[in-house]
């Protein structure tokens, strides 16, 4: 179970010169910082510390969040299946301009609003099958660490104080922009707080500590009451839990600038150790009907709204059908294709429980192909292609009643293993006696060529939440 409160993870500070070669000859990860695929070599043996930027909890989470968190859920579960000891940490931004504004609009305290939407976020993740996170770290639980990092940046000359807060001086960190390849904001960037003081030294300087305003939440600090800037929250969390350097930092592509650039500038300035993160991984943009999702366009879809139309398995299948780095287009048509494609896999898996032929079918080639795809920067589309080829080839034997029970059991075991990562399959439900009786009546009608009656029975079965499908080996039923 994920830990929701602060504390509990061992603080680990390591240098990258102790890299271990374990698993590195097989797995490749695309590193956004170097813009190339690299061998996955953890800092310390088979242990991997991974941090992913979590949500700012001022509203219900949307399907863009779902895409990112499902993607990293699959990544973490695959790494664990390979024998890596992964500690997956995710932050929760529970103090922010957006939270304060929304709280005022709703007549609630910012802390109450943040708690409400954090709980809804956890509910959404549970429904989506995202259960790989070891710890959700709330920003307000790390105020001591935040203040200490701001103090350190001031003492080292990387920050300065003006009338409204403490700012990071970008002129002191020449590497700023190396991750994203730029130094200025663009329309796709995620901006949580606007640091627009006219008295800043440099245009891009960002706020580390905001001095309090009347009626806003605040904490005591050496610079008076105030609250943290957005970027310093994450480095305070990872600094406490992982130390100044760790293995993987993930997040949505729109966080690359300025958020992740700011994280690098802060932590590397404090510690003097580079790089802060060994591998940077970013999920691609999600559009809705070929447009950027936004409330102003009327195409903003929350996770809850999506789950009203499609089950979690279909949504997860839709997300992993595209490589995590690539953009993805959320449309009714694409979701329906995912639904039908997933049904094909589900029908195949369910059919494996009923075979009793004699012909053996080796899945060693499939297993090798699946692993090669996932080892190649978690290429889930290629992994799914391998699955569909297996389904096609094995179905040829099943349709003729030839596939052996032993082979079917081996396939079932492999699909169970895969589904621990993908979470796209449903447990086959026992067909009720009422449905079995109707299936038998339908078969009798078909034998008597009373196809009208057969179709009526099929529709009656469908109205009760079941589907009957014909095959060479007889009718098969499954839950809708």
Protein backbone atom coordinates (compact mmCIF):
# COMPACT_ATOMS: atom_id res chain seq x y z
CA UNK A 1 0.00 0.00 0.00
CA UNK A 2 1.29 3.47 -0.86
CA UNK A 3 2.43 5.58 2.05
CA UNK A 4 0.55 8.88 2.11
CA UNK A 5 2.37 10.56 4.98
CA UNK A 6 5.85 12.02 5.02
CA UNK A 7 8.85 10.08 6.28
CA UNK A 8 9.74 6.45 5.91
CA UNK A 9 12.14 6.28 2.95
CA UNK A 10 15.85 6.03 3.57
CA UNK A 11 17.80 9.10 2.52
CA UNK A 12 20.38 7.91 -0.02
CA UNK A 13 23.16 10.11 -1.38
CA UNK A 14 25.40 8.52 -4.01
CA UNK A 15 27.85 9.41 -6.71
CA UNK A 16 27.28 8.16 -10.24
CA UNK A 17 30.81 6.76 -10.55
CA UNK A 18 29.63 3.58 -8.75
CA UNK A 19 27.29 2.52 -11.54
CA UNK A 20 26.49 -1.19 -11.58
CA UNK A 21 26.21 -3.08 -14.91
CA UNK A 22 23.34 -5.30 -13.67
CA UNK A 23 20.67 -5.65 -16.43
CA UNK A 24 22.39 -2.88 -18.41
CA UNK A 25 23.24 -5.15 -21.35
CA UNK A 26 19.56 -5.62 -22.10
CA UNK A 27 17.41 -2.66 -21.13
CA UNK A 28 17.41 0.67 -22.94
CA UNK A 29 15.75 3.90 -21.80
CA UNK A 30 15.38 7.09 -23.81
CA UNK A 31 17.00 9.83 -21.74
CA UNK A 32 15.45 13.22 -22.49
CA UNK A 33 18.56 14.97 -21.20
CA UNK A 34 20.95 13.28 -23.65
CA UNK A 35 18.28 12.77 -26.35
CA UNK A 36 19.25 9.16 -26.95
CA UNK A 37 18.58 5.65 -25.72
CA UNK A 38 20.94 4.52 -23.00
CA UNK A 39 21.53 1.33 -21.07
CA UNK A 40 19.54 1.27 -17.86
CA UNK A 41 22.21 1.02 -15.16
CA UNK A 42 21.05 1.85 -11.63
CA UNK A 43 23.27 3.80 -9.28
CA UNK A 44 23.28 1.06 -6.67
CA UNK A 45 23.00 -2.57 -7.82
CA UNK A 46 19.43 -3.47 -8.69
CA UNK A 47 17.84 -0.64 -6.66
CA UNK A 48 16.06 2.11 -8.61
CA UNK A 49 14.78 5.35 -7.08
CA UNK A 50 12.12 6.84 -9.35
CA UNK A 51 10.24 10.10 -8.88
CA UNK A 52 7.27 11.26 -10.97
CA UNK A 53 5.63 14.67 -10.69
CA UNK A 54 2.16 14.28 -9.23
CA UNK A 55 -0.88 16.54 -9.59
CA UNK A 56 -1.71 19.94 -8.16
CA UNK A 57 -4.88 19.05 -6.27
CA UNK A 58 -7.31 21.89 -6.97
CA UNK A 59 -9.66 20.02 -9.34
CA UNK A 60 -10.50 16.51 -10.54
CA UNK A 61 -7.60 14.93 -12.42
CA UNK A 62 -7.97 14.69 -16.19
CA UNK A 63 -7.16 12.09 -18.84
CA UNK A 64 -3.79 13.71 -19.52
CA UNK A 65 -2.86 12.82 -15.96
CA UNK A 66 -4.23 9.33 -16.52
CA UNK A 67 -2.02 8.84 -19.58
CA UNK A 68 1.13 9.80 -17.67
CA UNK A 69 0.41 7.82 -14.52
CA UNK A 70 -0.72 4.68 -16.36
CA UNK A 71 2.46 4.86 -18.45
CA UNK A 72 4.72 5.05 -15.41
CA UNK A 73 2.67 2.41 -13.62
CA UNK A 74 3.51 0.02 -16.48
CA UNK A 75 7.17 1.11 -16.44
CA UNK A 76 7.52 0.45 -12.71
CA UNK A 77 5.73 -2.89 -12.81
CA UNK A 78 7.87 -4.06 -15.71
CA UNK A 79 11.07 -3.02 -13.94
CA UNK A 80 9.96 -4.95 -10.86
CA UNK A 81 9.17 -7.99 -13.00
CA UNK A 82 12.79 -7.86 -14.21
CA UNK A 83 14.08 -8.05 -10.66
CA UNK A 84 14.72 -4.37 -9.98
CA UNK A 85 13.92 -3.09 -6.49
CA UNK A 86 12.02 0.07 -7.42
CA UNK A 87 11.03 2.77 -4.95
CA UNK A 88 8.38 4.85 -6.72
CA UNK A 89 7.82 8.28 -5.17
CA UNK A 90 5.22 10.78 -6.33
CA UNK A 91 4.55 14.25 -4.95
CA UNK A 92 1.23 15.91 -4.30
CA UNK A 93 1.25 19.71 -4.70
CA UNK A 94 -1.17 20.76 -1.96
CA UNK A 95 -0.27 24.46 -1.73
CA UNK A 96 -0.39 26.56 -4.88
CA UNK A 97 -1.88 29.70 -6.43
CA UNK A 98 -4.51 27.60 -8.22
CA UNK A 99 -5.53 25.93 -4.96
CA UNK A 100 -5.82 29.29 -3.18
CA UNK A 101 -7.91 30.82 -5.98
CA UNK A 102 -10.25 27.79 -6.22
CA UNK A 103 -10.64 27.69 -2.42
CA UNK A 104 -11.73 31.34 -2.38
CA UNK A 105 -14.24 30.66 -5.16
CA UNK A 106 -15.72 27.68 -3.30
CA UNK A 107 -15.66 29.21 0.18
CA UNK A 108 -13.29 26.56 1.55
CA UNK A 109 -9.92 26.63 3.23
CA UNK A 110 -7.07 25.82 0.80
CA UNK A 111 -6.05 22.85 2.96
CA UNK A 112 -9.61 21.45 2.90
CA UNK A 113 -9.86 21.83 -0.87
CA UNK A 114 -6.48 20.19 -1.42
CA UNK A 115 -7.37 17.27 0.85
CA UNK A 116 -10.69 16.76 -0.95
CA UNK A 117 -9.14 16.59 -4.40
CA UNK A 118 -6.15 14.55 -3.24
CA UNK A 119 -8.56 11.90 -1.97
CA UNK A 120 -10.43 11.99 -5.28
CA UNK A 121 -7.12 11.60 -7.12
CA UNK A 122 -6.26 8.51 -5.07
CA UNK A 123 -9.71 7.10 -5.87
CA UNK A 124 -9.14 7.73 -9.58
CA UNK A 125 -5.75 5.99 -9.49
CA UNK A 126 -7.24 2.98 -7.71
CA UNK A 127 -9.99 2.69 -10.33
CA UNK A 128 -7.35 2.89 -13.10
CA UNK A 129 -5.29 0.13 -11.50
CA UNK A 130 -2.38 2.47 -10.77
CA UNK A 131 -1.13 0.83 -7.60
CA UNK A 132 2.67 0.79 -8.00
CA UNK A 133 3.43 4.02 -6.09
CA UNK A 134 5.28 3.40 -2.81
CA UNK A 135 4.65 6.83 -1.40
CA UNK A 136 2.62 9.96 -2.13
CA UNK A 137 4.52 12.90 -0.64
CA UNK A 138 2.51 16.02 0.22
CA UNK A 139 4.49 19.23 -0.32
CA UNK A 140 3.27 20.84 2.93
CA UNK A 141 4.79 17.94 4.90
CA UNK A 142 8.27 19.04 3.76
CA UNK A 143 8.31 22.68 4.87
CA UNK A 144 11.45 22.20 6.97
CA UNK A 145 13.34 20.79 3.96
CA UNK A 146 11.98 23.50 1.65
CA UNK A 147 13.16 26.28 3.97
CA UNK A 148 16.57 24.64 4.33
CA UNK A 149 17.03 24.44 0.55
CA UNK A 150 16.08 28.11 0.12
CA UNK A 151 18.53 29.04 2.88
CA UNK A 152 21.29 27.02 1.19
CA UNK A 153 20.69 28.70 -2.20
CA UNK A 154 20.87 32.13 -0.58
CA UNK A 155 24.08 31.30 1.27
CA UNK A 156 25.73 29.92 -1.88
CA UNK A 157 24.82 33.03 -3.88
CA UNK A 158 22.31 31.36 -6.23
CA UNK A 159 19.30 33.24 -4.83
CA UNK A 160 18.39 36.78 -3.76
CA UNK A 161 15.66 38.47 -1.75
CA UNK A 162 13.35 41.24 -2.96
CA UNK A 163 10.16 42.72 -1.53
CA UNK A 164 7.81 39.87 -2.48
CA UNK A 165 10.04 36.84 -1.96
CA UNK A 166 13.22 34.87 -2.60
CA UNK A 167 14.19 34.27 -6.25
CA UNK A 168 16.65 31.97 -8.02
CA UNK A 169 19.24 33.89 -10.05
CA UNK A 170 19.44 32.15 -13.44
CA UNK A 171 22.56 34.07 -14.39
CA UNK A 172 24.41 31.92 -11.85
CA UNK A 173 23.40 28.59 -13.45
CA UNK A 174 24.68 28.41 -17.04
CA UNK A 175 23.30 24.91 -17.71
CA UNK A 176 19.68 26.06 -17.42
CA UNK A 177 17.81 24.93 -20.53
CA UNK A 178 19.90 21.85 -21.38
CA UNK A 179 17.03 19.43 -20.67
CA UNK A 180 14.45 21.17 -22.87
CA UNK A 181 16.87 22.82 -25.29
CA UNK A 182 15.48 26.30 -24.61
CA UNK A 183 15.20 29.03 -22.00
CA UNK A 184 11.82 30.66 -22.73
CA UNK A 185 8.21 29.62 -22.10
CA UNK A 186 6.06 28.24 -24.91
CA UNK A 187 2.31 27.71 -25.18
CA UNK A 188 2.41 24.00 -24.28
CA UNK A 189 4.33 24.49 -21.03
CA UNK A 190 2.67 23.86 -17.68
CA UNK A 191 2.93 26.89 -15.43
CA UNK A 192 1.65 26.56 -11.88
CA UNK A 193 2.71 29.97 -10.63
CA UNK A 194 3.53 33.16 -12.45
CA UNK A 195 6.73 34.69 -11.06
CA UNK A 196 6.28 38.14 -12.56
CA UNK A 197 7.87 40.57 -10.11
CA UNK A 198 9.15 43.63 -11.97
CA UNK A 199 12.13 43.75 -9.60
CA UNK A 200 13.60 40.41 -10.63
CA UNK A 201 17.23 40.49 -11.79
CA UNK A 202 16.58 38.34 -14.86
CA UNK A 203 13.39 37.69 -16.82
CA UNK A 204 13.41 33.92 -16.20
CA UNK A 205 14.19 34.04 -12.48
CA UNK A 206 11.69 31.94 -10.55
CA UNK A 207 10.37 32.26 -7.02
CA UNK A 208 11.67 29.97 -4.28
CA UNK A 209 9.71 31.49 -1.40
CA UNK A 210 6.71 33.84 -1.65
CA UNK A 211 6.16 36.29 1.17
CA UNK A 212 2.68 36.03 2.61
CA UNK A 213 -0.32 38.02 1.50
CA UNK A 214 -3.34 38.78 3.66
CA UNK A 215 -5.68 35.82 3.98
CA UNK A 216 -3.34 33.31 2.30
CA UNK A 217 -1.80 30.23 3.96
CA UNK A 218 1.69 30.88 5.31
CA UNK A 219 4.53 29.29 7.27
CA UNK A 220 7.23 30.85 9.43
CA UNK A 221 10.65 31.27 7.85
CA UNK A 222 13.86 33.30 8.38
CA UNK A 223 12.45 35.76 5.81
CA UNK A 224 9.08 36.15 7.51
CA UNK A 225 5.82 34.32 6.88
CA UNK A 226 5.33 32.92 3.40
CA UNK A 227 4.92 29.82 1.28
CA UNK A 228 7.11 27.84 -1.11
CA UNK A 229 7.50 28.28 -4.82
CA UNK A 230 6.33 25.42 -7.03
CA UNK A 231 9.72 24.07 -8.11
CA UNK A 232 11.39 23.98 -4.68
CA UNK A 233 8.71 21.61 -3.35
CA UNK A 234 9.86 18.73 -5.53
CA UNK A 235 13.59 19.05 -4.87
CA UNK A 236 12.88 19.26 -1.13
CA UNK A 237 10.93 16.00 -1.37
CA UNK A 238 13.47 14.11 -3.47
CA UNK A 239 16.38 15.54 -1.50
CA UNK A 240 14.87 14.19 1.71
CA UNK A 241 13.83 10.80 0.31
CA UNK A 242 16.55 10.02 -2.27
CA UNK A 243 19.41 12.42 -1.67
CA UNK A 244 20.88 14.87 -4.24
CA UNK A 245 21.15 12.24 -7.02
CA UNK A 246 18.83 9.43 -8.05
CA UNK A 247 18.02 7.15 -10.95
CA UNK A 248 14.88 8.25 -12.84
CA UNK A 249 12.71 11.36 -12.92
CA UNK A 250 9.48 11.08 -14.89
CA UNK A 251 6.61 13.34 -15.77
CA UNK A 252 4.51 14.79 -18.55
CA UNK A 253 6.31 16.55 -21.38
CA UNK A 254 4.71 19.90 -20.55
CA UNK A 255 6.58 19.93 -17.23
CA UNK A 256 9.99 19.84 -18.89
CA UNK A 257 10.12 23.63 -19.00
CA UNK A 258 10.27 25.46 -16.71
CA UNK A 259 9.52 23.00 -13.89
CA UNK A 260 12.12 20.31 -14.49
CA UNK A 261 14.73 22.81 -15.59
CA UNK A 262 14.19 24.64 -12.32
CA UNK A 263 14.50 21.42 -10.32
CA UNK A 264 17.88 20.73 -11.91
CA UNK A 265 19.11 24.27 -11.28
CA UNK A 266 18.08 24.14 -7.62
CA UNK A 267 19.42 20.73 -6.67
CA UNK A 268 22.69 20.89 -8.60
CA UNK A 269 23.39 24.37 -7.21
CA UNK A 270 22.81 23.14 -3.67
CA UNK A 271 24.73 19.85 -3.88
CA UNK A 272 27.39 20.61 -6.50
CA UNK A 273 26.75 17.09 -7.85
CA UNK A 274 25.81 16.53 -11.50
CA UNK A 275 23.64 15.17 -12.95
CA UNK A 276 20.81 15.35 -10.43
CA UNK A 277 19.03 12.53 -12.27
CA UNK A 278 20.55 9.70 -14.31
CA UNK A 279 17.59 9.31 -16.68
CA UNK A 280 14.81 11.76 -17.52
CA UNK A 281 11.63 10.23 -18.96
CA UNK A 282 8.74 12.30 -20.36
CA UNK A 283 5.33 11.16 -21.55
CA UNK A 284 3.93 12.75 -24.71
CA UNK A 285 1.09 15.23 -25.07
CA UNK A 286 -2.53 14.09 -25.04
CA UNK A 287 -4.96 15.83 -27.39
CA UNK A 288 -8.73 15.46 -27.63
CA UNK A 289 -10.09 15.23 -31.17
CA UNK A 290 -6.79 16.64 -32.50
CA UNK A 291 -6.95 19.70 -30.23
CA UNK A 292 -5.20 20.61 -27.02
CA UNK A 293 -7.47 19.74 -24.11
CA UNK A 294 -8.82 22.83 -22.37
CA UNK A 295 -11.97 23.96 -20.60
CA UNK A 296 -12.29 26.93 -22.96
CA UNK A 297 -12.61 24.56 -25.93
CA UNK A 298 -15.16 22.42 -24.12
CA UNK A 299 -13.07 19.26 -24.58
CA UNK A 300 -11.75 18.93 -21.02
CA UNK A 301 -12.32 15.35 -19.84
CA UNK A 302 -11.73 14.22 -16.28
CA UNK A 303 -10.73 10.67 -15.40
CA UNK A 304 -14.13 10.24 -13.77
CA UNK A 305 -15.94 11.30 -16.92
CA UNK A 306 -13.84 8.93 -19.03
CA UNK A 307 -14.58 6.03 -16.66
CA UNK A 308 -18.30 6.63 -17.05
CA UNK A 309 -17.97 5.68 -20.73
CA UNK A 310 -15.13 3.17 -20.72
CA UNK A 311 -13.83 0.72 -18.16
CA UNK A 312 -10.33 1.04 -16.75
CA UNK A 313 -9.03 -1.87 -18.85
CA UNK A 314 -10.05 -0.14 -22.08
CA UNK A 315 -8.49 3.16 -21.01
CA UNK A 316 -5.24 1.46 -20.01
CA UNK A 317 -5.16 -0.46 -23.29
CA UNK A 318 -5.73 2.79 -25.19
CA UNK A 319 -2.84 4.49 -23.40
CA UNK A 320 -0.32 1.67 -23.87
CA UNK A 321 -1.29 1.23 -27.53
CA UNK A 322 0.88 4.32 -28.12
CA UNK A 323 4.48 4.58 -26.94
CA UNK A 324 4.68 6.62 -23.75
CA UNK A 325 6.91 9.27 -25.42
CA UNK A 326 4.59 9.81 -28.40
CA UNK A 327 1.60 12.15 -28.59
CA UNK A 328 -1.78 10.46 -28.30
CA UNK A 329 -5.18 11.56 -29.62
CA UNK A 330 -8.22 10.81 -27.47
CA UNK A 331 -11.25 10.31 -29.72
CA UNK A 332 -14.42 8.25 -29.56
CA UNK A 333 -13.23 6.29 -32.59
CA UNK A 334 -9.84 5.47 -31.09
CA UNK A 335 -11.43 4.35 -27.82
CA UNK A 336 -13.86 2.11 -29.68
CA UNK A 337 -10.98 0.55 -31.61
CA UNK A 338 -9.18 -0.06 -28.31
CA UNK A 339 -12.32 -1.60 -26.83
CA UNK A 340 -12.74 -4.03 -29.73
CA UNK A 341 -9.03 -4.89 -29.83
CA UNK A 342 -9.02 -5.62 -26.12
CA UNK A 343 -12.14 -7.76 -26.48
CA UNK A 344 -10.25 -9.89 -28.98
CA UNK A 345 -7.50 -10.54 -26.45
CA UNK A 346 -10.02 -11.16 -23.66
CA UNK A 347 -11.98 -13.68 -25.74
CA UNK A 348 -8.76 -15.50 -26.58
CA UNK A 349 -7.62 -15.68 -22.96
CA UNK A 350 -11.03 -16.89 -21.82
CA UNK A 351 -11.05 -19.55 -24.55
CA UNK A 352 -7.74 -20.97 -23.28
CA UNK A 353 -9.54 -22.30 -20.21
CA UNK A 354 -11.72 -24.62 -22.30
CA UNK A 355 -9.28 -26.23 -24.77
CA UNK A 356 -8.39 -29.92 -24.65
CA UNK A 357 -6.55 -30.77 -27.87
CA UNK A 358 -3.26 -32.60 -28.42
CA UNK A 359 -1.08 -30.25 -30.46
CA UNK A 360 1.69 -28.39 -28.62
CA UNK A 361 2.39 -24.69 -29.29
CA UNK A 362 5.65 -23.11 -28.14
CA UNK A 363 5.51 -19.56 -26.80
CA UNK A 364 9.25 -19.11 -26.39
CA UNK A 365 9.47 -16.96 -29.51
CA UNK A 366 6.61 -14.80 -28.25
CA UNK A 367 8.18 -14.37 -24.82
CA UNK A 368 11.48 -13.31 -26.39
CA UNK A 369 9.76 -10.85 -28.72
CA UNK A 370 7.65 -9.38 -25.90
CA UNK A 371 10.67 -8.89 -23.66
CA UNK A 372 12.74 -7.35 -26.45
CA UNK A 373 9.97 -4.82 -27.05
CA UNK A 374 9.66 -3.87 -23.39
CA UNK A 375 13.44 -3.78 -22.92
CA UNK A 376 13.59 -1.28 -25.78
CA UNK A 377 12.42 1.82 -23.86
CA UNK A 378 9.19 0.13 -22.74
CA UNK A 379 7.81 -0.19 -26.27
CA UNK A 380 4.28 -1.27 -25.39
CA UNK A 381 2.92 -0.97 -28.99
CA UNK A 382 5.46 -3.57 -30.17
CA UNK A 383 4.69 -5.73 -27.14
CA UNK A 384 0.98 -5.61 -28.03
CA UNK A 385 1.81 -6.49 -31.65
CA UNK A 386 3.55 -9.62 -30.37
CA UNK A 387 0.44 -10.46 -28.33
CA UNK A 388 -1.88 -10.11 -31.32
CA UNK A 389 0.37 -12.32 -33.47
CA UNK A 390 0.25 -14.98 -30.76
CA UNK A 391 -3.54 -14.68 -30.56
CA UNK A 392 -3.84 -15.08 -34.33
CA UNK A 393 -1.57 -18.13 -34.54
CA UNK A 394 -2.96 -19.91 -31.51
CA UNK A 395 -6.56 -19.24 -32.56
CA UNK A 396 -5.97 -21.28 -35.71
CA UNK A 397 -5.41 -24.34 -33.55
CA UNK A 398 -8.18 -23.50 -31.08
CA UNK A 399 -10.76 -23.13 -33.86
CA UNK A 400 -9.94 -26.69 -34.97
CA UNK A 401 -9.92 -28.07 -31.44
CA UNK A 402 -6.21 -28.94 -31.71
CA UNK A 403 -4.45 -26.80 -29.09
CA UNK A 404 -3.19 -28.88 -26.17
CA UNK A 405 -4.25 -28.18 -22.61
CA UNK A 406 -0.61 -27.95 -21.53
CA UNK A 407 0.12 -25.26 -24.12
CA UNK A 408 -3.02 -23.39 -23.14
CA UNK A 409 -2.02 -23.45 -19.49
CA UNK A 410 1.43 -22.12 -20.37
CA UNK A 411 -0.16 -19.29 -22.36
CA UNK A 412 -2.54 -18.51 -19.50
CA UNK A 413 0.38 -18.28 -17.10
CA UNK A 414 2.21 -15.90 -19.43
CA UNK A 415 -0.86 -13.69 -19.88
CA UNK A 416 -1.31 -13.53 -16.09
CA UNK A 417 2.32 -12.44 -15.78
CA UNK A 418 1.91 -9.79 -18.46
CA UNK A 419 -1.33 -8.53 -16.96
CA UNK A 420 0.39 -7.84 -13.65
CA UNK A 421 2.06 -5.03 -15.61
CA UNK A 422 -0.62 -4.04 -18.12
CA UNK A 423 -3.80 -4.61 -16.02
CA UNK A 424 -6.02 -4.87 -19.10
CA UNK A 425 -7.76 -8.22 -18.58
CA UNK A 426 -10.79 -9.19 -16.55
CA UNK A 427 -11.28 -12.40 -14.62
CA UNK A 428 -13.57 -14.73 -16.53
CA UNK A 429 -16.91 -14.94 -14.72
CA UNK A 430 -18.75 -18.19 -14.41
CA UNK A 431 -21.71 -18.25 -16.78
CA UNK A 432 -24.98 -18.32 -14.79
CA UNK A 433 -27.29 -21.31 -15.28
CA UNK A 434 -29.95 -18.97 -16.69
CA UNK A 435 -27.59 -17.84 -19.47
CA UNK A 436 -26.41 -21.41 -20.15
CA UNK A 437 -30.04 -22.47 -20.60
CA UNK A 438 -30.69 -19.64 -23.08
CA UNK A 439 -27.52 -20.53 -25.01
CA UNK A 440 -28.74 -24.11 -25.28
CA UNK A 441 -32.18 -22.92 -26.49
CA UNK A 442 -30.47 -20.71 -29.07
CA UNK A 443 -28.43 -23.66 -30.35
CA UNK A 444 -31.59 -25.69 -30.76
CA UNK A 445 -33.20 -22.83 -32.72
CA UNK A 446 -30.15 -22.60 -34.98
CA UNK A 447 -30.22 -26.35 -35.65
CA UNK A 448 -33.88 -26.02 -36.59
CA UNK A 449 -32.95 -23.05 -38.84
CA UNK A 450 -35.21 -20.78 -36.77
CA UNK A 451 -32.76 -17.91 -37.06
CA UNK A 452 -35.28 -15.28 -36.00
CA UNK A 453 -35.75 -17.01 -32.66
CA UNK A 454 -31.98 -17.50 -32.33
CA UNK A 455 -31.40 -13.78 -32.84
CA UNK A 456 -34.10 -12.93 -30.28
CA UNK A 457 -32.44 -15.17 -27.70
CA UNK A 458 -29.03 -13.62 -28.46
CA UNK A 459 -30.47 -10.15 -27.78
CA UNK A 460 -32.10 -11.38 -24.57
CA UNK A 461 -28.73 -12.76 -23.44
CA UNK A 462 -27.13 -9.42 -24.32
CA UNK A 463 -29.74 -7.50 -22.30
CA UNK A 464 -28.66 -9.48 -19.24
CA UNK A 465 -25.06 -8.35 -19.63
CA UNK A 466 -23.63 -11.36 -21.50
CA UNK A 467 -22.37 -11.96 -25.02
CA UNK A 468 -22.57 -15.24 -26.92
CA UNK A 469 -20.14 -15.82 -29.79
CA UNK A 470 -20.08 -18.71 -32.23
CA UNK A 471 -16.95 -20.69 -33.02
CA UNK A 472 -16.06 -23.97 -34.71
CA UNK A 473 -15.85 -25.59 -31.30
CA UNK A 474 -19.26 -24.30 -30.21
CA UNK A 475 -20.78 -21.17 -28.64
CA UNK A 476 -18.72 -19.16 -26.14
CA UNK A 477 -20.11 -16.79 -23.53
CA UNK A 478 -18.50 -13.85 -21.79
CA UNK A 479 -19.52 -10.95 -19.57
CA UNK A 480 -19.95 -7.68 -21.41
